[in-house]
Amino acid sequence: MTDTQQTPAIDEARVEAFVGQLVTDIAGAATTVMTVLGDRLGLFKAMTGAGPLTADKLAAQTGLHPRLVTEWLRQQAVSGYLTTEGDTFELPLEHALALSVLDSPAHIVAAGEIITGHFLSLEQVEAAFRGDGGLPYDEVPGCTHHGIERYFRTAYVNHLAQTWFPAVPGLLEKLEAGARVADVGCGHGFATLLMGSTWPAGTVTGFDNHEPSIATARARAIEAGSPSNVAFHVADAAGIAGHGQFDVVVFFDALHDLGDPAAALRSAYDALAPGGIVVAVEPWSADDFTATIGMPISRIGFASSTALCTPGSLSQPGAYGLGTAGGPAKRLELLAGAGFADPILAADTGFNLVVSATKK
């Protein structure tokens, strides 16, 4: 400091408030580890509808070590996930809807697996920062891929046919009439299979350039009875044109992951028949990120964008790096740039954005 400079005053109340915030965030991260454990070990499932349980009874039912079960129960209780009285613990039904009831609209426990993947990828993400920015999806741990499947399943089951698609002008009519649908970036294929079963008159083809994901999707199809109107192929967006013409092309939580989303949308345009519809469902975000400061959904979105989605995009040809949370305006701009007419924000659910456009 020079003689003319003054030592800045420290606002002690601000320091204390921020330390409190930081401790709370670290406590949340620690609790996420315990929540993932409870999910993986079947503890939440065993407690669902069971009423008050002692640690010994829960350990016996699940075949787990009673001493560790005791500590886990206490951690979940002090975190407010479980209630406790005497030596018993209980999972409230309202909490079970988020933790263990599979098709509940509130079932979001699998997000913990995605966060676990961020921690497991920490060294690779650090290397990406110091290097070219890329982290290929092949190098992302399996829990991330399976966590994504389970996490987005909740939205697909509860919103795809009920909220998203009805908001897109003319889409339901095409699907009910037997549309040919391409699902680009289909991952493990849950949404692909869901569309095939919901609109059996049409055909749905899932495409993904990640071979292990397509292998899983094909296994899921066998588990679902090998529906004749659903198929899966290893291909990127540019490869869909080689599989015929489509009436609908969808990108479910995938557009921002692509190395070149602009080129992918141009490929979608070329693959669509006249009057065809493109739909992109993206995680919710705002054009002005400062309007979302402090919002949990934005904190998660930007963390995933930094640790997974943007490095994944930067590792691919094009290295566009759209980002998970860039707002609807950029998505609409990309649709217009690909040649689509009158792109619209068809739905804003507060959890997802649905953008769509038509090929004239």
Protein backbone atom coordinates (compact mmCIF):
# COMPACT_ATOMS: atom_id res chain seq x y z
CA MET A 1 0.00 0.00 0.00
CA THR A 2 1.23 3.51 -0.80
CA ASP A 3 0.87 6.46 1.54
CA THR A 4 -2.05 7.75 -0.53
CA GLN A 5 -3.92 4.45 -0.40
CA GLN A 6 -6.05 3.39 2.49
CA THR A 7 -6.55 -0.10 3.73
CA PRO A 8 -10.06 -1.09 2.62
CA ALA A 9 -12.51 -1.43 5.45
CA ILE A 10 -13.68 -4.98 6.14
CA ASP A 11 -17.40 -5.42 6.62
CA GLU A 12 -17.34 -8.04 9.36
CA ALA A 13 -21.06 -8.76 9.00
CA ARG A 14 -20.52 -9.51 5.30
CA VAL A 15 -17.65 -11.85 6.14
CA GLU A 16 -19.78 -13.67 8.67
CA ALA A 17 -22.71 -13.95 6.25
CA PHE A 18 -20.53 -15.35 3.49
CA VAL A 19 -18.84 -17.86 5.78
CA GLY A 20 -22.32 -18.99 6.78
CA GLN A 21 -23.26 -19.39 3.12
CA LEU A 22 -20.07 -21.32 2.37
CA VAL A 23 -20.54 -23.67 5.32
CA THR A 24 -24.14 -24.26 4.23
CA ASP A 25 -23.02 -25.08 0.67
CA ILE A 26 -20.33 -27.47 1.88
CA ALA A 27 -22.87 -29.11 4.17
CA GLY A 28 -25.13 -29.53 1.15
CA ALA A 29 -22.32 -31.16 -0.81
CA ALA A 30 -21.61 -33.52 2.10
CA THR A 31 -25.29 -34.40 2.35
CA THR A 32 -25.39 -35.13 -1.39
CA VAL A 33 -22.76 -37.85 -0.82
CA MET A 34 -24.95 -39.39 1.88
CA THR A 35 -28.04 -39.09 -0.32
CA VAL A 36 -26.34 -40.91 -3.19
CA LEU A 37 -25.35 -43.64 -0.72
CA GLY A 38 -28.91 -43.96 0.52
CA ASP A 39 -30.16 -44.19 -3.04
CA ARG A 40 -27.57 -46.75 -4.17
CA LEU A 41 -27.93 -48.93 -1.05
CA GLY A 42 -31.74 -49.01 -1.19
CA LEU A 43 -32.14 -47.33 2.18
CA PHE A 44 -34.70 -44.77 1.00
CA LYS A 45 -36.64 -47.50 -0.80
CA ALA A 46 -36.68 -49.67 2.32
CA MET A 47 -37.93 -46.76 4.45
CA THR A 48 -40.69 -45.71 2.04
CA GLY A 49 -44.05 -46.42 3.66
CA ALA A 50 -42.39 -48.40 6.47
CA GLY A 51 -43.12 -45.96 9.28
CA PRO A 52 -40.65 -45.44 12.14
CA LEU A 53 -37.65 -47.80 12.04
CA THR A 54 -34.71 -48.39 14.32
CA ALA A 55 -31.23 -48.52 12.82
CA ASP A 56 -30.93 -52.21 13.68
CA LYS A 57 -34.22 -53.07 11.95
CA LEU A 58 -33.32 -51.09 8.84
CA ALA A 59 -29.87 -52.68 8.74
CA ALA A 60 -31.40 -56.15 9.04
CA GLN A 61 -33.92 -55.45 6.25
CA THR A 62 -31.25 -54.15 3.88
CA GLY A 63 -28.38 -56.47 4.87
CA LEU A 64 -26.13 -53.53 5.70
CA HIS A 65 -23.74 -52.80 8.56
CA PRO A 66 -25.81 -51.55 11.53
CA ARG A 67 -23.20 -49.14 12.86
CA LEU A 68 -22.84 -47.38 9.51
CA VAL A 69 -26.61 -47.37 9.02
CA THR A 70 -26.90 -45.62 12.40
CA GLU A 71 -24.51 -42.85 11.35
CA TRP A 72 -26.24 -42.47 7.99
CA LEU A 73 -29.65 -42.15 9.64
CA ARG A 74 -28.36 -39.50 12.03
CA GLN A 75 -26.77 -37.53 9.19
CA GLN A 76 -30.00 -37.60 7.20
CA ALA A 77 -31.98 -36.60 10.26
CA VAL A 78 -29.80 -33.60 11.13
CA SER A 79 -30.06 -32.59 7.46
CA GLY A 80 -33.86 -32.63 7.65
CA TYR A 81 -34.34 -35.50 5.23
CA LEU A 82 -35.63 -37.89 7.92
CA THR A 83 -37.62 -37.33 11.08
CA THR A 84 -36.55 -38.92 14.34
CA GLU A 85 -38.09 -39.74 17.69
CA GLY A 86 -36.41 -41.75 20.40
CA ASP A 87 -34.32 -44.39 18.65
CA THR A 88 -36.46 -44.49 15.50
CA PHE A 89 -36.24 -42.72 12.15
CA GLU A 90 -38.89 -42.16 9.50
CA LEU A 91 -38.93 -41.05 5.87
CA PRO A 92 -41.94 -38.74 5.36
CA LEU A 93 -44.01 -39.56 2.28
CA GLU A 94 -43.50 -36.03 1.00
CA HIS A 95 -39.73 -36.59 1.06
CA ALA A 96 -40.06 -40.07 -0.43
CA LEU A 97 -41.67 -38.53 -3.52
CA ALA A 98 -38.32 -36.84 -4.23
CA LEU A 99 -36.08 -39.67 -3.04
CA SER A 100 -37.62 -43.06 -3.82
CA VAL A 101 -40.96 -42.93 -5.69
CA LEU A 102 -39.75 -43.47 -9.24
CA ASP A 103 -42.33 -41.77 -11.46
CA SER A 104 -43.27 -39.01 -9.03
CA PRO A 105 -43.04 -35.51 -10.58
CA ALA A 106 -40.75 -34.63 -7.65
CA HIS A 107 -38.30 -37.53 -8.11
CA ILE A 108 -34.92 -35.78 -8.49
CA VAL A 109 -32.60 -37.90 -6.33
CA ALA A 110 -30.60 -39.00 -9.39
CA ALA A 111 -29.21 -35.48 -9.72
CA GLY A 112 -26.86 -36.54 -6.93
CA GLU A 113 -25.25 -39.06 -9.28
CA ILE A 114 -24.51 -36.27 -11.76
CA ILE A 115 -22.85 -34.22 -9.02
CA THR A 116 -20.89 -37.31 -7.98
CA GLY A 117 -19.65 -37.51 -11.55
CA HIS A 118 -18.48 -33.90 -11.35
CA PHE A 119 -16.34 -34.76 -8.33
CA LEU A 120 -14.98 -37.90 -9.99
CA SER A 121 -14.08 -35.83 -13.06
CA LEU A 122 -12.43 -33.05 -11.08
CA GLU A 123 -8.87 -33.75 -12.22
CA GLN A 124 -9.94 -34.02 -15.88
CA VAL A 125 -11.92 -30.77 -15.64
CA GLU A 126 -8.90 -29.06 -14.10
CA ALA A 127 -6.80 -30.33 -17.02
CA ALA A 128 -9.41 -29.00 -19.46
CA PHE A 129 -9.13 -25.55 -17.88
CA ARG A 130 -5.36 -25.65 -18.32
CA GLY A 131 -5.57 -27.09 -21.84
CA ASP A 132 -7.93 -26.89 -24.81
CA GLY A 133 -11.10 -26.86 -22.71
CA GLY A 134 -12.29 -30.26 -23.84
CA LEU A 135 -13.39 -33.28 -21.82
CA PRO A 136 -14.75 -36.07 -24.07
CA TYR A 137 -17.91 -37.79 -22.88
CA ASP A 138 -16.09 -41.13 -23.15
CA GLU A 139 -13.95 -40.00 -20.23
CA VAL A 140 -16.90 -39.07 -18.01
CA PRO A 141 -17.70 -41.68 -15.31
CA GLY A 142 -20.61 -44.04 -15.82
CA CYS A 143 -22.54 -42.63 -12.87
CA THR A 144 -22.89 -39.38 -14.81
CA HIS A 145 -24.51 -41.08 -17.79
CA HIS A 146 -26.84 -43.18 -15.64
CA GLY A 147 -27.61 -40.21 -13.41
CA ILE A 148 -28.60 -38.16 -16.45
CA GLU A 149 -30.92 -40.95 -17.65
CA ARG A 150 -32.65 -41.23 -14.29
CA TYR A 151 -32.73 -37.49 -13.60
CA PHE A 152 -34.32 -36.56 -16.93
CA ARG A 153 -36.67 -39.54 -16.81
CA THR A 154 -38.78 -37.61 -14.31
CA ALA A 155 -39.34 -34.76 -16.75
CA TYR A 156 -39.97 -37.09 -19.70
CA VAL A 157 -42.59 -39.13 -17.84
CA ASN A 158 -44.40 -36.13 -16.41
CA HIS A 159 -43.99 -33.42 -19.04
CA LEU A 160 -43.13 -34.70 -22.53
CA ALA A 161 -46.65 -35.68 -23.59
CA GLN A 162 -48.47 -33.56 -21.02
CA THR A 163 -46.75 -30.16 -21.35
CA TRP A 164 -43.91 -29.92 -23.86
CA PHE A 165 -45.35 -31.40 -27.04
CA PRO A 166 -48.87 -29.92 -26.69
CA ALA A 167 -47.23 -26.46 -26.57
CA VAL A 168 -45.66 -26.91 -30.03
CA PRO A 169 -48.10 -25.90 -32.79
CA GLY A 170 -49.07 -28.82 -35.02
CA LEU A 171 -46.83 -31.38 -33.33
CA LEU A 172 -49.45 -33.64 -31.74
CA GLU A 173 -51.34 -33.86 -35.01
CA LYS A 174 -48.22 -35.08 -36.80
CA LEU A 175 -47.43 -37.63 -34.10
CA GLU A 176 -50.96 -39.01 -34.00
CA ALA A 177 -50.96 -39.31 -37.80
CA GLY A 178 -47.83 -41.49 -37.75
CA ALA A 179 -44.85 -39.14 -37.92
CA ARG A 180 -41.30 -40.30 -38.58
CA VAL A 181 -39.32 -38.94 -35.61
CA ALA A 182 -35.55 -38.57 -35.16
CA ASP A 183 -34.29 -38.21 -31.58
CA VAL A 184 -30.81 -36.66 -31.84
CA GLY A 185 -28.52 -37.17 -28.84
CA CYS A 186 -30.85 -39.84 -27.48
CA GLY A 187 -28.48 -41.11 -24.79
CA HIS A 188 -29.89 -44.24 -23.16
CA GLY A 189 -33.08 -43.89 -25.18
CA PHE A 190 -35.71 -43.44 -22.49
CA ALA A 191 -37.45 -40.55 -24.28
CA THR A 192 -37.15 -42.38 -27.62
CA LEU A 193 -38.95 -45.42 -26.24
CA LEU A 194 -41.51 -43.24 -24.48
CA MET A 195 -42.39 -41.48 -27.74
CA GLY A 196 -42.65 -44.81 -29.52
CA SER A 197 -45.10 -46.21 -26.96
CA THR A 198 -47.12 -42.99 -26.66
CA TRP A 199 -47.57 -42.56 -30.44
CA PRO A 200 -47.44 -46.12 -31.82
CA ALA A 201 -48.64 -45.12 -35.29
CA GLY A 202 -45.27 -43.49 -36.02
CA THR A 203 -41.63 -44.52 -35.94
CA VAL A 204 -38.90 -43.13 -33.69
CA THR A 205 -35.18 -43.45 -34.39
CA GLY A 206 -32.66 -42.53 -31.72
CA PHE A 207 -29.20 -41.28 -32.71
CA ASP A 208 -26.16 -40.75 -30.50
CA ASN A 209 -22.44 -40.68 -31.26
CA HIS A 210 -21.63 -42.27 -27.88
CA GLU A 211 -21.49 -46.02 -28.60
CA PRO A 212 -21.90 -47.18 -24.97
CA SER A 213 -25.08 -45.10 -24.69
CA ILE A 214 -26.53 -46.66 -27.84
CA ALA A 215 -25.64 -50.12 -26.51
CA THR A 216 -27.57 -49.29 -23.34
CA ALA A 217 -30.48 -47.88 -25.37
CA ARG A 218 -30.72 -51.10 -27.38
CA ALA A 219 -30.72 -53.09 -24.15
CA ARG A 220 -33.51 -50.85 -22.83
CA ALA A 221 -35.48 -51.55 -26.02
CA ILE A 222 -35.14 -55.31 -25.47
CA GLU A 223 -36.34 -54.86 -21.89
CA ALA A 224 -39.33 -52.93 -23.28
CA GLY A 225 -40.27 -55.83 -25.58
CA SER A 226 -38.32 -54.76 -28.68
CA PRO A 227 -40.96 -52.38 -30.09
CA SER A 228 -41.00 -52.57 -33.88
CA ASN A 229 -41.39 -48.80 -34.30
CA VAL A 230 -38.21 -47.85 -32.39
CA ALA A 231 -34.59 -48.14 -33.54
CA PHE A 232 -31.22 -46.87 -32.39
CA HIS A 233 -28.11 -45.96 -34.39
CA VAL A 234 -24.62 -44.71 -33.59
CA ALA A 235 -24.45 -41.40 -35.47
CA ASP A 236 -24.04 -37.72 -34.88
CA ALA A 237 -26.51 -35.10 -36.08
CA ALA A 238 -24.90 -35.00 -39.52
CA GLY A 239 -25.56 -38.72 -39.90
CA ILE A 240 -29.34 -38.64 -39.59
CA ALA A 241 -29.81 -37.70 -43.25
CA GLY A 242 -28.56 -41.14 -44.26
CA HIS A 243 -31.58 -42.74 -42.58
CA GLY A 244 -34.31 -41.19 -44.71
CA GLN A 245 -36.56 -38.20 -44.30
CA PHE A 246 -38.27 -37.28 -41.05
CA ASP A 247 -41.38 -35.34 -40.05
CA VAL A 248 -40.08 -34.39 -36.60
CA VAL A 249 -36.55 -33.97 -35.23
CA VAL A 250 -36.11 -33.59 -31.47
CA PHE A 251 -33.16 -32.68 -29.26
CA PHE A 252 -33.84 -33.51 -25.61
CA ASP A 253 -31.34 -31.77 -23.31
CA ALA A 254 -28.75 -32.41 -26.02
CA LEU A 255 -28.38 -29.33 -28.22
CA HIS A 256 -26.01 -27.57 -25.83
CA ASP A 257 -23.87 -30.73 -25.56
CA LEU A 258 -23.04 -30.82 -29.26
CA GLY A 259 -19.75 -29.67 -30.69
CA ASP A 260 -21.51 -27.75 -33.44
CA PRO A 261 -25.20 -27.14 -32.64
CA ALA A 262 -25.54 -24.78 -35.61
CA ALA A 263 -24.44 -27.55 -37.99
CA ALA A 264 -26.67 -30.05 -36.17
CA LEU A 265 -29.71 -27.85 -36.73
CA ARG A 266 -28.80 -27.42 -40.39
CA SER A 267 -28.62 -31.21 -40.66
CA ALA A 268 -32.01 -31.45 -38.97
CA TYR A 269 -33.39 -28.95 -41.47
CA ASP A 270 -32.05 -30.99 -44.39
CA ALA A 271 -33.45 -34.24 -42.95
CA LEU A 272 -36.95 -32.84 -42.43
CA ALA A 273 -39.75 -33.08 -44.95
CA PRO A 274 -41.45 -29.81 -45.91
CA GLY A 275 -43.65 -28.75 -43.03
CA GLY A 276 -41.51 -30.76 -40.63
CA ILE A 277 -40.99 -29.60 -37.06
CA VAL A 278 -37.83 -29.34 -34.99
CA VAL A 279 -38.09 -29.30 -31.18
CA ALA A 280 -35.28 -28.64 -28.72
CA VAL A 281 -35.92 -29.10 -24.99
CA GLU A 282 -33.19 -27.45 -22.94
CA PRO A 283 -32.58 -26.94 -19.21
CA TRP A 284 -34.18 -23.75 -17.97
CA SER A 285 -32.07 -20.60 -18.07
CA ALA A 286 -32.40 -16.87 -18.67
CA ASP A 287 -30.81 -14.67 -21.32
CA ASP A 288 -29.48 -12.40 -18.56
CA PHE A 289 -27.71 -14.70 -16.12
CA THR A 290 -27.55 -11.94 -13.51
CA ALA A 291 -31.33 -12.18 -13.16
CA THR A 292 -30.84 -15.72 -11.78
CA ILE A 293 -28.16 -15.02 -9.18
CA GLY A 294 -28.79 -17.14 -6.10
CA MET A 295 -31.34 -19.43 -7.78
CA PRO A 296 -30.54 -23.10 -7.02
CA ILE A 297 -31.51 -24.25 -10.52
CA SER A 298 -29.05 -21.77 -12.02
CA ARG A 299 -26.29 -22.70 -9.60
CA ILE A 300 -26.68 -26.35 -10.62
CA GLY A 301 -26.98 -25.46 -14.30
CA PHE A 302 -23.81 -23.41 -14.46
CA ALA A 303 -21.92 -26.04 -12.44
CA SER A 304 -22.96 -28.75 -14.91
CA SER A 305 -22.12 -26.44 -17.78
CA THR A 306 -18.63 -25.89 -16.39
CA ALA A 307 -17.87 -29.48 -15.37
CA LEU A 308 -19.62 -31.47 -18.09
CA CYS A 309 -21.56 -29.90 -20.94
CA THR A 310 -19.24 -27.14 -22.15
CA PRO A 311 -16.06 -29.26 -21.89
CA GLY A 312 -17.93 -32.02 -23.72
CA SER A 313 -18.83 -29.64 -26.52
CA LEU A 314 -15.30 -28.22 -26.69
CA SER A 315 -13.92 -31.74 -27.11
CA GLN A 316 -15.86 -32.29 -30.36
CA PRO A 317 -15.39 -30.97 -33.89
CA GLY A 318 -16.77 -27.44 -33.98
CA ALA A 319 -15.98 -26.78 -30.29
CA TYR A 320 -18.94 -24.40 -30.14
CA GLY A 321 -19.36 -24.43 -26.36
CA LEU A 322 -22.98 -23.25 -26.27
CA GLY A 323 -23.29 -23.95 -22.56
CA THR A 324 -26.10 -25.41 -20.51
CA ALA A 325 -27.55 -22.16 -19.25
CA GLY A 326 -27.33 -19.53 -21.98
CA GLY A 327 -31.01 -18.58 -22.20
CA PRO A 328 -33.63 -19.01 -24.95
CA ALA A 329 -32.57 -16.15 -27.25
CA LYS A 330 -29.39 -17.90 -28.41
CA ARG A 331 -31.33 -21.10 -29.12
CA LEU A 332 -33.89 -19.23 -31.21
CA GLU A 333 -31.07 -17.49 -33.07
CA LEU A 334 -29.50 -20.85 -33.92
CA LEU A 335 -32.83 -22.15 -35.25
CA ALA A 336 -33.27 -19.11 -37.46
CA GLY A 337 -29.70 -19.38 -38.69
CA ALA A 338 -30.35 -22.99 -39.75
CA GLY A 339 -33.15 -21.81 -42.05
CA PHE A 340 -36.20 -22.57 -39.91
CA ALA A 341 -39.16 -20.25 -40.15
CA ASP A 342 -40.52 -18.35 -37.15
CA PRO A 343 -38.72 -20.10 -34.27
CA ILE A 344 -40.61 -19.75 -31.00
CA LEU A 345 -40.21 -20.37 -27.31
CA ALA A 346 -43.12 -22.78 -27.12
CA ALA A 347 -42.95 -23.42 -23.37
CA ASP A 348 -41.11 -22.15 -20.31
CA THR A 349 -41.89 -24.48 -17.43
CA GLY A 350 -39.43 -22.95 -14.98
CA PHE A 351 -37.48 -26.20 -15.21
CA ASN A 352 -37.12 -26.53 -18.98
CA LEU A 353 -37.27 -24.41 -22.11
CA VAL A 354 -39.00 -25.79 -25.22
CA VAL A 355 -38.03 -24.08 -28.48
CA SER A 356 -39.45 -25.11 -31.84
CA ALA A 357 -39.64 -24.13 -35.50
CA THR A 358 -41.00 -25.39 -38.81
CA LYS A 359 -39.41 -26.13 -42.18
CA LYS A 360 -41.43 -24.29 -44.82
